Amino acid sequence: MRKAFLQLHIAVFLAGFTAILGKLIGLNEGLLVWYRLLITVIVLGLLLYFKKQLHRIPAKDVFKIFGVGLIVAVHWVSFYGSVKYGNVSIAVVCISASGFFTAFFEPWIFNRQIVLIEILLSLLAIVGIYIIFDFHPQYKTGIIFGIISAIGSSLFPIFNKKLLMRFSPATLTLYELGGGLAALTVLVPFYLLQFPAGYLLPTTEDWVWLTILACVCTVLCFDLQLNALKKISPFTANIAYNMEPVYGIILAFIIFRENKLLNMHFYLGVGLIILSVLLQTGRVWFREGRRSGSIG
């Protein structure tokens, strides 16, 4: 069990480190994600092939899976757009708004009743982001990208939930990322017309960070998470992933000294976001505890 917890928290830390790598890579965010997907699909595909874990998916399901892959691609492009046009702290804070969108999207897509308390708790995060937005107008574009990223982050697990019941996580991930790569191959030229790139081919330094991003922070992170989930419940994993923005902000403060660029209103906004996460975590924890108690 200790090994599983260690694997999970390493995975969470690596997820928080992706924003740092996005800042270090000089490529335009659209190209950055395209190269990340390209390396990840090649590496993950080879690993699954040699492990004999690569399975074919029926043609009728491919378009659905590719659609989810498009959501992932848009989420990543907008996330790194938030890093580029704002900063790491802004990007990881905006991701916290995903709970707000999930509170609306999940009941709507699955035809369930909206839970008012989830809306109210999520509104705390939105208020926090508004405070940051209002007092940091220079990060306007970065925050808009961040909100789009949060929408993608909320939609991905909703659409992925049913697919995971039918396909293995490894195979599903490969097809989804392959779909994202195919979609970006078509869309990136149009994206670059709106957001021009300084250069198209990665520099030597970019290749180093891209390789780390794809192999360590994507493939290895995914593998660690899957191994941890063999012994740890999804609920515990979701609680641990609440630390991802915290790790991202701490790393941004240490590496890029971003704390010098932010004022007290940023910390007030972050405080409201963290409060919403803690209240939601406590609420779910209490609910799960009561269920476990009633079963016993």
C-alpha atoms as a PDB file:
ATOM      1  CA  MET A   1       0.000   0.000   0.000  1.00  0.00           C
ATOM      2  CA  ARG A   2       2.844   2.416   0.785  1.00  0.00           C
ATOM      3  CA  LYS A   3       4.310   1.801  -2.652  1.00  0.00           C
ATOM      4  CA  ALA A   4       0.928   2.555  -4.239  1.00  0.00           C
ATOM      5  CA  PHE A   5       0.615   5.848  -2.335  1.00  0.00           C
ATOM      6  CA  LEU A   6       4.163   6.799  -3.340  1.00  0.00           C
ATOM      7  CA  GLN A   7       3.407   6.024  -6.997  1.00  0.00           C
ATOM      8  CA  LEU A   8       0.215   8.101  -6.845  1.00  0.00           C
ATOM      9  CA  HIS A   9       1.879  11.169  -5.338  1.00  0.00           C
ATOM     10  CA  ILE A  10       4.779  10.984  -7.781  1.00  0.00           C
ATOM     11  CA  ALA A  11       2.165  10.955 -10.575  1.00  0.00           C
ATOM     12  CA  VAL A  12       0.440  14.020  -9.066  1.00  0.00           C
ATOM     13  CA  PHE A  13       3.765  15.844  -8.762  1.00  0.00           C
ATOM     14  CA  LEU A  14       4.632  15.046 -12.389  1.00  0.00           C
ATOM     15  CA  ALA A  15       1.216  16.341 -13.460  1.00  0.00           C
ATOM     16  CA  GLY A  16       1.942  19.595 -11.626  1.00  0.00           C
ATOM     17  CA  PHE A  17       5.333  19.806 -13.336  1.00  0.00           C
ATOM     18  CA  THR A  18       3.824  19.849 -16.859  1.00  0.00           C
ATOM     19  CA  ALA A  19       3.051  23.572 -16.586  1.00  0.00           C
ATOM     20  CA  ILE A  20       6.695  24.280 -15.730  1.00  0.00           C
ATOM     21  CA  LEU A  21       7.834  22.411 -18.830  1.00  0.00           C
ATOM     22  CA  GLY A  22       5.316  24.359 -20.893  1.00  0.00           C
ATOM     23  CA  LYS A  23       7.029  27.559 -19.773  1.00  0.00           C
ATOM     24  CA  LEU A  24      10.492  26.181 -20.541  1.00  0.00           C
ATOM     25  CA  ILE A  25       9.551  25.058 -24.056  1.00  0.00           C
ATOM     26  CA  GLY A  26       9.722  28.019 -26.434  1.00  0.00           C
ATOM     27  CA  LEU A  27       7.333  26.594 -29.045  1.00  0.00           C
ATOM     28  CA  ASN A  28       3.901  28.064 -29.689  1.00  0.00           C
ATOM     29  CA  GLU A  29       1.321  26.190 -27.558  1.00  0.00           C
ATOM     30  CA  GLY A  30      -0.320  24.555 -30.590  1.00  0.00           C
ATOM     31  CA  LEU A  31       2.971  23.166 -31.858  1.00  0.00           C
ATOM     32  CA  LEU A  32       4.045  22.228 -28.337  1.00  0.00           C
ATOM     33  CA  VAL A  33       0.999  19.995 -27.899  1.00  0.00           C
ATOM     34  CA  TRP A  34       1.366  18.541 -31.409  1.00  0.00           C
ATOM     35  CA  TYR A  35       4.945  17.450 -30.691  1.00  0.00           C
ATOM     36  CA  ARG A  36       3.949  16.204 -27.226  1.00  0.00           C
ATOM     37  CA  LEU A  37       1.215  14.050 -28.742  1.00  0.00           C
ATOM     38  CA  LEU A  38       3.502  12.790 -31.503  1.00  0.00           C
ATOM     39  CA  ILE A  39       6.205  11.615 -29.070  1.00  0.00           C
ATOM     40  CA  THR A  40       3.675  10.204 -26.604  1.00  0.00           C
ATOM     41  CA  VAL A  41       1.751   8.210 -29.238  1.00  0.00           C
ATOM     42  CA  ILE A  42       4.984   6.717 -30.630  1.00  0.00           C
ATOM     43  CA  VAL A  43       6.415   5.799 -27.210  1.00  0.00           C
ATOM     44  CA  LEU A  44       3.135   4.505 -25.753  1.00  0.00           C
ATOM     45  CA  GLY A  45       2.340   2.585 -28.943  1.00  0.00           C
ATOM     46  CA  LEU A  46       5.736   0.848 -28.912  1.00  0.00           C
ATOM     47  CA  LEU A  47       5.441   0.001 -25.213  1.00  0.00           C
ATOM     48  CA  LEU A  48       2.006  -1.553 -25.646  1.00  0.00           C
ATOM     49  CA  TYR A  49       3.129  -3.414 -28.763  1.00  0.00           C
ATOM     50  CA  PHE A  50       6.133  -5.046 -27.084  1.00  0.00           C
ATOM     51  CA  LYS A  51       4.102  -5.805 -23.941  1.00  0.00           C
ATOM     52  CA  LYS A  52       1.461  -7.387 -26.200  1.00  0.00           C
ATOM     53  CA  GLN A  53      -1.157  -5.072 -24.659  1.00  0.00           C
ATOM     54  CA  LEU A  54      -2.131  -3.330 -27.874  1.00  0.00           C
ATOM     55  CA  HIS A  55      -5.723  -4.182 -28.779  1.00  0.00           C
ATOM     56  CA  ARG A  56      -7.834  -3.231 -31.769  1.00  0.00           C
ATOM     57  CA  ILE A  57     -10.959  -1.153 -31.274  1.00  0.00           C
ATOM     58  CA  PRO A  58     -14.105  -1.597 -33.404  1.00  0.00           C
ATOM     59  CA  ALA A  59     -14.373   0.961 -36.198  1.00  0.00           C
ATOM     60  CA  LYS A  60     -17.781   2.155 -34.954  1.00  0.00           C
ATOM     61  CA  ASP A  61     -16.162   3.330 -31.690  1.00  0.00           C
ATOM     62  CA  VAL A  62     -13.111   4.993 -33.211  1.00  0.00           C
ATOM     63  CA  PHE A  63     -14.859   8.293 -33.999  1.00  0.00           C
ATOM     64  CA  LYS A  64     -16.238   8.550 -30.451  1.00  0.00           C
ATOM     65  CA  ILE A  65     -12.786   7.940 -29.024  1.00  0.00           C
ATOM     66  CA  PHE A  66     -11.183  10.384 -31.446  1.00  0.00           C
ATOM     67  CA  GLY A  67     -13.771  12.943 -30.323  1.00  0.00           C
ATOM     68  CA  VAL A  68     -12.591  12.562 -26.739  1.00  0.00           C
ATOM     69  CA  GLY A  69      -9.023  12.877 -28.037  1.00  0.00           C
ATOM     70  CA  LEU A  70      -9.977  16.206 -29.617  1.00  0.00           C
ATOM     71  CA  ILE A  71     -11.209  17.410 -26.215  1.00  0.00           C
ATOM     72  CA  VAL A  72      -7.853  16.410 -24.689  1.00  0.00           C
ATOM     73  CA  ALA A  73      -5.961  18.258 -27.437  1.00  0.00           C
ATOM     74  CA  VAL A  74      -8.025  21.439 -26.982  1.00  0.00           C
ATOM     75  CA  HIS A  75      -7.570  21.192 -23.210  1.00  0.00           C
ATOM     76  CA  TRP A  76      -3.789  20.914 -23.538  1.00  0.00           C
ATOM     77  CA  VAL A  77      -3.471  23.678 -26.155  1.00  0.00           C
ATOM     78  CA  SER A  78      -5.546  26.082 -24.068  1.00  0.00           C
ATOM     79  CA  PHE A  79      -3.687  25.088 -20.884  1.00  0.00           C
ATOM     80  CA  TYR A  80      -0.303  25.894 -22.431  1.00  0.00           C
ATOM     81  CA  GLY A  81      -1.833  28.996 -23.986  1.00  0.00           C
ATOM     82  CA  SER A  82      -2.690  30.069 -20.446  1.00  0.00           C
ATOM     83  CA  VAL A  83       0.929  29.436 -19.433  1.00  0.00           C
ATOM     84  CA  LYS A  84       2.303  31.383 -22.415  1.00  0.00           C
ATOM     85  CA  TYR A  85      -0.070  34.370 -22.272  1.00  0.00           C
ATOM     86  CA  GLY A  86      -0.356  34.432 -18.488  1.00  0.00           C
ATOM     87  CA  ASN A  87       1.998  32.404 -16.326  1.00  0.00           C
ATOM     88  CA  VAL A  88       2.211  29.021 -14.628  1.00  0.00           C
ATOM     89  CA  SER A  89       0.332  30.161 -11.507  1.00  0.00           C
ATOM     90  CA  ILE A  90      -2.566  31.577 -13.540  1.00  0.00           C
ATOM     91  CA  ALA A  91      -2.818  28.400 -15.629  1.00  0.00           C
ATOM     92  CA  VAL A  92      -2.953  25.954 -12.723  1.00  0.00           C
ATOM     93  CA  VAL A  93      -5.344  28.163 -10.738  1.00  0.00           C
ATOM     94  CA  CYS A  94      -7.811  28.383 -13.640  1.00  0.00           C
ATOM     95  CA  ILE A  95      -7.913  24.575 -13.860  1.00  0.00           C
ATOM     96  CA  SER A  96      -9.653  24.671 -10.465  1.00  0.00           C
ATOM     97  CA  ALA A  97     -12.739  26.015 -12.267  1.00  0.00           C
ATOM     98  CA  SER A  98     -13.251  22.570 -13.845  1.00  0.00           C
ATOM     99  CA  GLY A  99     -15.368  21.555 -10.840  1.00  0.00           C
ATOM    100  CA  PHE A 100     -17.800  24.375 -11.600  1.00  0.00           C
ATOM    101  CA  PHE A 101     -18.289  23.219 -15.186  1.00  0.00           C
ATOM    102  CA  THR A 102     -18.505  19.561 -14.149  1.00  0.00           C
ATOM    103  CA  ALA A 103     -21.322  20.430 -11.732  1.00  0.00           C
ATOM    104  CA  PHE A 104     -23.358  21.582 -14.763  1.00  0.00           C
ATOM    105  CA  PHE A 105     -22.121  19.319 -17.558  1.00  0.00           C
ATOM    106  CA  GLU A 106     -22.345  15.944 -15.798  1.00  0.00           C
ATOM    107  CA  PRO A 107     -26.040  16.230 -14.780  1.00  0.00           C
ATOM    108  CA  TRP A 108     -26.894  17.636 -18.210  1.00  0.00           C
ATOM    109  CA  ILE A 109     -25.075  14.905 -20.191  1.00  0.00           C
ATOM    110  CA  PHE A 110     -26.240  12.017 -17.969  1.00  0.00           C
ATOM    111  CA  ASN A 111     -29.722  13.477 -17.431  1.00  0.00           C
ATOM    112  CA  ARG A 112     -29.305  13.794 -13.656  1.00  0.00           C
ATOM    113  CA  GLN A 113     -30.474  16.388 -11.204  1.00  0.00           C
ATOM    114  CA  ILE A 114     -28.108  19.281 -10.529  1.00  0.00           C
ATOM    115  CA  VAL A 115     -26.706  19.230  -6.978  1.00  0.00           C
ATOM    116  CA  LEU A 116     -27.045  22.753  -5.578  1.00  0.00           C
ATOM    117  CA  ILE A 117     -24.269  22.396  -2.994  1.00  0.00           C
ATOM    118  CA  GLU A 118     -21.802  21.460  -5.760  1.00  0.00           C
ATOM    119  CA  ILE A 119     -22.773  24.600  -7.684  1.00  0.00           C
ATOM    120  CA  LEU A 120     -22.315  26.781  -4.601  1.00  0.00           C
ATOM    121  CA  LEU A 121     -18.933  25.282  -3.739  1.00  0.00           C
ATOM    122  CA  SER A 122     -17.758  25.614  -7.322  1.00  0.00           C
ATOM    123  CA  LEU A 123     -18.856  29.257  -7.365  1.00  0.00           C
ATOM    124  CA  LEU A 124     -16.232  29.924  -4.698  1.00  0.00           C
ATOM    125  CA  ALA A 125     -13.568  28.921  -7.224  1.00  0.00           C
ATOM    126  CA  ILE A 126     -15.157  31.132  -9.890  1.00  0.00           C
ATOM    127  CA  VAL A 127     -15.196  34.102  -7.492  1.00  0.00           C
ATOM    128  CA  GLY A 128     -11.525  33.420  -6.759  1.00  0.00           C
ATOM    129  CA  ILE A 129     -10.684  33.461 -10.467  1.00  0.00           C
ATOM    130  CA  TYR A 130     -12.713  36.659 -10.939  1.00  0.00           C
ATOM    131  CA  ILE A 131     -10.730  38.384  -8.180  1.00  0.00           C
ATOM    132  CA  ILE A 132      -7.471  37.370  -9.869  1.00  0.00           C
ATOM    133  CA  PHE A 133      -8.818  38.475 -13.255  1.00  0.00           C
ATOM    134  CA  ASP A 134     -10.055  41.822 -11.956  1.00  0.00           C
ATOM    135  CA  PHE A 135      -6.790  42.798 -10.306  1.00  0.00           C
ATOM    136  CA  HIS A 136      -4.449  41.297 -12.925  1.00  0.00           C
ATOM    137  CA  PRO A 137      -5.801  42.615 -16.270  1.00  0.00           C
ATOM    138  CA  GLN A 138      -2.426  41.948 -17.912  1.00  0.00           C
ATOM    139  CA  TYR A 139      -3.236  38.239 -17.650  1.00  0.00           C
ATOM    140  CA  LYS A 140      -6.621  38.561 -19.406  1.00  0.00           C
ATOM    141  CA  THR A 141      -5.730  36.380 -22.413  1.00  0.00           C
ATOM    142  CA  GLY A 142      -4.032  33.801 -20.195  1.00  0.00           C
ATOM    143  CA  ILE A 143      -7.111  33.557 -17.960  1.00  0.00           C
ATOM    144  CA  ILE A 144      -9.449  33.154 -20.961  1.00  0.00           C
ATOM    145  CA  PHE A 145      -7.245  30.299 -22.214  1.00  0.00           C
ATOM    146  CA  GLY A 146      -7.289  28.873 -18.681  1.00  0.00           C
ATOM    147  CA  ILE A 147     -11.097  28.866 -18.519  1.00  0.00           C
ATOM    148  CA  ILE A 148     -11.288  27.063 -21.885  1.00  0.00           C
ATOM    149  CA  SER A 149      -8.785  24.548 -20.508  1.00  0.00           C
ATOM    150  CA  ALA A 150     -10.967  24.032 -17.416  1.00  0.00           C
ATOM    151  CA  ILE A 151     -13.992  23.320 -19.647  1.00  0.00           C
ATOM    152  CA  GLY A 152     -11.974  20.664 -21.498  1.00  0.00           C
ATOM    153  CA  SER A 153     -10.737  19.242 -18.198  1.00  0.00           C
ATOM    154  CA  SER A 154     -14.332  18.872 -16.983  1.00  0.00           C
ATOM    155  CA  LEU A 155     -15.656  17.277 -20.194  1.00  0.00           C
ATOM    156  CA  PHE A 156     -12.888  14.692 -20.633  1.00  0.00           C
ATOM    157  CA  PRO A 157     -13.657  12.427 -17.622  1.00  0.00           C
ATOM    158  CA  ILE A 158     -17.408  12.679 -18.270  1.00  0.00           C
ATOM    159  CA  PHE A 159     -17.155  11.322 -21.823  1.00  0.00           C
ATOM    160  CA  ASN A 160     -14.332   8.959 -20.862  1.00  0.00           C
ATOM    161  CA  LYS A 161     -16.300   7.281 -18.080  1.00  0.00           C
ATOM    162  CA  LYS A 162     -18.450   5.070 -20.329  1.00  0.00           C
ATOM    163  CA  LEU A 163     -15.558   4.226 -22.644  1.00  0.00           C
ATOM    164  CA  LEU A 164     -13.449   2.977 -19.719  1.00  0.00           C
ATOM    165  CA  MET A 165     -16.120   0.388 -18.972  1.00  0.00           C
ATOM    166  CA  ARG A 166     -15.524  -1.226 -22.372  1.00  0.00           C
ATOM    167  CA  PHE A 167     -11.841  -0.732 -23.175  1.00  0.00           C
ATOM    168  CA  SER A 168      -8.568  -1.057 -21.286  1.00  0.00           C
ATOM    169  CA  PRO A 169      -7.224   2.300 -20.050  1.00  0.00           C
ATOM    170  CA  ALA A 170      -3.887   1.896 -21.877  1.00  0.00           C
ATOM    171  CA  THR A 171      -5.425   1.111 -25.263  1.00  0.00           C
ATOM    172  CA  LEU A 172      -8.090   3.781 -24.844  1.00  0.00           C
ATOM    173  CA  THR A 173      -5.463   6.403 -23.988  1.00  0.00           C
ATOM    174  CA  LEU A 174      -3.402   5.519 -27.061  1.00  0.00           C
ATOM    175  CA  TYR A 175      -6.403   5.844 -29.392  1.00  0.00           C
ATOM    176  CA  GLU A 176      -7.556   9.081 -27.742  1.00  0.00           C
ATOM    177  CA  LEU A 177      -4.141  10.703 -28.009  1.00  0.00           C
ATOM    178  CA  GLY A 178      -3.858   9.415 -31.572  1.00  0.00           C
ATOM    179  CA  GLY A 179      -7.185  11.088 -32.327  1.00  0.00           C
ATOM    180  CA  GLY A 180      -5.949  14.305 -30.715  1.00  0.00           C
ATOM    181  CA  LEU A 181      -2.792  14.154 -32.841  1.00  0.00           C
ATOM    182  CA  ALA A 182      -4.813  13.630 -36.040  1.00  0.00           C
ATOM    183  CA  ALA A 183      -7.134  16.519 -35.164  1.00  0.00           C
ATOM    184  CA  LEU A 184      -4.287  18.910 -34.374  1.00  0.00           C
ATOM    185  CA  THR A 185      -2.488  17.970 -37.584  1.00  0.00           C
ATOM    186  CA  VAL A 186      -5.482  19.419 -39.422  1.00  0.00           C
ATOM    187  CA  LEU A 187      -6.244  22.328 -37.066  1.00  0.00           C
ATOM    188  CA  VAL A 188      -2.805  23.676 -36.109  1.00  0.00           C
ATOM    189  CA  PRO A 189      -2.165  25.457 -39.467  1.00  0.00           C
ATOM    190  CA  PHE A 190      -5.398  27.431 -38.946  1.00  0.00           C
ATOM    191  CA  TYR A 191      -4.550  28.031 -35.285  1.00  0.00           C
ATOM    192  CA  LEU A 192      -1.171  29.482 -36.253  1.00  0.00           C
ATOM    193  CA  LEU A 193      -2.925  32.067 -38.423  1.00  0.00           C
ATOM    194  CA  GLN A 194      -4.519  33.491 -35.273  1.00  0.00           C
ATOM    195  CA  PHE A 195      -1.600  32.861 -32.925  1.00  0.00           C
ATOM    196  CA  PRO A 196       1.584  32.983 -35.041  1.00  0.00           C
ATOM    197  CA  ALA A 197       4.614  30.959 -33.975  1.00  0.00           C
ATOM    198  CA  GLY A 198       8.113  32.379 -33.724  1.00  0.00           C
ATOM    199  CA  TYR A 199       9.500  29.139 -35.174  1.00  0.00           C
ATOM    200  CA  LEU A 200       8.147  25.752 -36.253  1.00  0.00           C
ATOM    201  CA  LEU A 201      10.861  23.195 -35.474  1.00  0.00           C
ATOM    202  CA  PRO A 202      11.902  22.584 -31.866  1.00  0.00           C
ATOM    203  CA  THR A 203      15.356  23.688 -30.763  1.00  0.00           C
ATOM    204  CA  THR A 204      17.708  21.185 -29.124  1.00  0.00           C
ATOM    205  CA  GLU A 205      16.599  22.450 -25.714  1.00  0.00           C
ATOM    206  CA  ASP A 206      12.944  22.163 -26.738  1.00  0.00           C
ATOM    207  CA  TRP A 207      13.486  18.523 -27.756  1.00  0.00           C
ATOM    208  CA  VAL A 208      14.925  17.758 -24.315  1.00  0.00           C
ATOM    209  CA  TRP A 209      11.947  19.273 -22.485  1.00  0.00           C
ATOM    210  CA  LEU A 210       9.449  17.773 -24.945  1.00  0.00           C
ATOM    211  CA  THR A 211      10.923  14.313 -24.402  1.00  0.00           C
ATOM    212  CA  ILE A 212      10.650  14.723 -20.631  1.00  0.00           C
ATOM    213  CA  LEU A 213       7.104  16.046 -20.996  1.00  0.00           C
ATOM    214  CA  ALA A 214       5.993  13.149 -23.208  1.00  0.00           C
ATOM    215  CA  CYS A 215       7.932  10.243 -21.684  1.00  0.00           C
ATOM    216  CA  VAL A 216       8.054  11.184 -18.004  1.00  0.00           C
ATOM    217  CA  CYS A 217       5.087  13.502 -17.399  1.00  0.00           C
ATOM    218  CA  THR A 218       2.695  11.678 -19.745  1.00  0.00           C
ATOM    219  CA  VAL A 219       3.620   8.010 -20.287  1.00  0.00           C
ATOM    220  CA  LEU A 220       5.336   7.362 -16.917  1.00  0.00           C
ATOM    221  CA  CYS A 221       2.747   9.464 -15.048  1.00  0.00           C
ATOM    222  CA  PHE A 222      -0.035   7.434 -16.668  1.00  0.00           C
ATOM    223  CA  ASP A 223       1.672   4.132 -15.778  1.00  0.00           C
ATOM    224  CA  LEU A 224       2.232   5.176 -12.140  1.00  0.00           C
ATOM    225  CA  GLN A 225      -1.386   6.222 -11.791  1.00  0.00           C
ATOM    226  CA  LEU A 226      -2.699   2.935 -13.211  1.00  0.00           C
ATOM    227  CA  ASN A 227      -0.449   0.883 -10.908  1.00  0.00           C
ATOM    228  CA  ALA A 228      -1.540   2.931  -7.892  1.00  0.00           C
ATOM    229  CA  LEU A 229      -5.232   2.475  -8.742  1.00  0.00           C
ATOM    230  CA  LYS A 230      -4.791  -1.298  -8.437  1.00  0.00           C
ATOM    231  CA  LYS A 231      -4.648  -0.824  -4.654  1.00  0.00           C
ATOM    232  CA  ILE A 232      -6.041   2.683  -4.089  1.00  0.00           C
ATOM    233  CA  SER A 233      -9.640   3.734  -4.681  1.00  0.00           C
ATOM    234  CA  PRO A 234     -10.499   6.308  -7.379  1.00  0.00           C
ATOM    235  CA  PHE A 235     -11.862   8.571  -4.632  1.00  0.00           C
ATOM    236  CA  THR A 236      -8.496   8.622  -2.846  1.00  0.00           C
ATOM    237  CA  ALA A 237      -6.781   9.307  -6.164  1.00  0.00           C
ATOM    238  CA  ASN A 238      -9.093  12.264  -6.867  1.00  0.00           C
ATOM    239  CA  ILE A 239      -8.326  13.694  -3.429  1.00  0.00           C
ATOM    240  CA  ALA A 240      -4.591  13.407  -4.122  1.00  0.00           C
ATOM    241  CA  TYR A 241      -4.967  15.179  -7.489  1.00  0.00           C
ATOM    242  CA  ASN A 242      -6.323  18.224  -5.666  1.00  0.00           C
ATOM    243  CA  MET A 243      -2.651  18.864  -4.867  1.00  0.00           C
ATOM    244  CA  GLU A 244      -1.711  19.283  -8.543  1.00  0.00           C
ATOM    245  CA  PRO A 245      -2.333  23.074  -8.679  1.00  0.00           C
ATOM    246  CA  VAL A 246      -0.544  23.474  -5.348  1.00  0.00           C
ATOM    247  CA  TYR A 247       2.557  21.698  -6.659  1.00  0.00           C
ATOM    248  CA  GLY A 248       2.398  23.784  -9.844  1.00  0.00           C
ATOM    249  CA  ILE A 249       2.265  27.089  -7.948  1.00  0.00           C
ATOM    250  CA  ILE A 250       5.069  26.110  -5.558  1.00  0.00           C
ATOM    251  CA  LEU A 251       7.299  25.050  -8.452  1.00  0.00           C
ATOM    252  CA  ALA A 252       6.504  28.284 -10.336  1.00  0.00           C
ATOM    253  CA  PHE A 253       7.447  30.326  -7.275  1.00  0.00           C
ATOM    254  CA  ILE A 254      10.735  28.439  -6.848  1.00  0.00           C
ATOM    255  CA  ILE A 255      11.819  28.210 -10.504  1.00  0.00           C
ATOM    256  CA  PHE A 256      10.392  31.383 -12.078  1.00  0.00           C
ATOM    257  CA  ARG A 257       9.968  33.584  -8.972  1.00  0.00           C
ATOM    258  CA  GLU A 258       6.373  34.237 -10.005  1.00  0.00           C
ATOM    259  CA  ASN A 259       5.476  35.275  -6.465  1.00  0.00           C
ATOM    260  CA  LYS A 260       7.204  38.604  -7.211  1.00  0.00           C
ATOM    261  CA  LEU A 261       4.712  39.265 -10.035  1.00  0.00           C
ATOM    262  CA  LEU A 262       1.591  38.680  -7.935  1.00  0.00           C
ATOM    263  CA  ASN A 263      -0.118  40.759  -5.250  1.00  0.00           C
ATOM    264  CA  MET A 264      -2.375  40.041  -2.282  1.00  0.00           C
ATOM    265  CA  HIS A 265      -5.489  39.768  -4.505  1.00  0.00           C
ATOM    266  CA  PHE A 266      -3.970  36.737  -6.232  1.00  0.00           C
ATOM    267  CA  TYR A 267      -3.537  35.032  -2.865  1.00  0.00           C
ATOM    268  CA  LEU A 268      -7.085  35.977  -1.859  1.00  0.00           C
ATOM    269  CA  GLY A 269      -8.377  34.395  -5.071  1.00  0.00           C
ATOM    270  CA  VAL A 270      -6.254  31.281  -4.547  1.00  0.00           C
ATOM    271  CA  GLY A 271      -7.489  31.104  -0.951  1.00  0.00           C
ATOM    272  CA  LEU A 272     -11.112  30.963  -2.113  1.00  0.00           C
ATOM    273  CA  ILE A 273     -10.241  28.273  -4.659  1.00  0.00           C
ATOM    274  CA  ILE A 274      -8.444  26.160  -2.047  1.00  0.00           C
ATOM    275  CA  LEU A 275     -11.383  26.652   0.343  1.00  0.00           C
ATOM    276  CA  SER A 276     -13.798  25.340  -2.301  1.00  0.00           C
ATOM    277  CA  VAL A 277     -11.574  22.291  -2.874  1.00  0.00           C
ATOM    278  CA  LEU A 278     -11.290  21.582   0.872  1.00  0.00           C
ATOM    279  CA  LEU A 279     -15.042  21.920   1.457  1.00  0.00           C
ATOM    280  CA  GLN A 280     -15.868  19.673  -1.497  1.00  0.00           C
ATOM    281  CA  THR A 281     -13.234  17.156  -0.383  1.00  0.00           C
ATOM    282  CA  GLY A 282     -14.602  17.146   3.170  1.00  0.00           C
ATOM    283  CA  ARG A 283     -18.159  16.797   1.904  1.00  0.00           C
ATOM    284  CA  VAL A 284     -17.361  13.785  -0.289  1.00  0.00           C
ATOM    285  CA  TRP A 285     -15.145  12.236   2.396  1.00  0.00           C
ATOM    286  CA  PHE A 286     -17.948  12.528   4.965  1.00  0.00           C
ATOM    287  CA  ARG A 287     -20.478  11.062   2.512  1.00  0.00           C
ATOM    288  CA  GLU A 288     -18.210   8.127   1.652  1.00  0.00           C
ATOM    289  CA  GLY A 289     -17.542   7.548   5.351  1.00  0.00           C
ATOM    290  CA  ARG A 290     -21.252   7.382   6.127  1.00  0.00           C
ATOM    291  CA  ARG A 291     -21.778   4.895   3.269  1.00  0.00           C
ATOM    292  CA  SER A 292     -18.948   2.697   4.543  1.00  0.00           C
ATOM    293  CA  GLY A 293     -20.359   2.874   8.052  1.00  0.00           C
ATOM    294  CA  SER A 294     -23.832   1.883   6.936  1.00  0.00           C
ATOM    295  CA  ILE A 295     -22.488  -1.134   5.044  1.00  0.00           C
ATOM    296  CA  GLY A 296     -20.511  -2.309   8.068  1.00  0.00           C
END
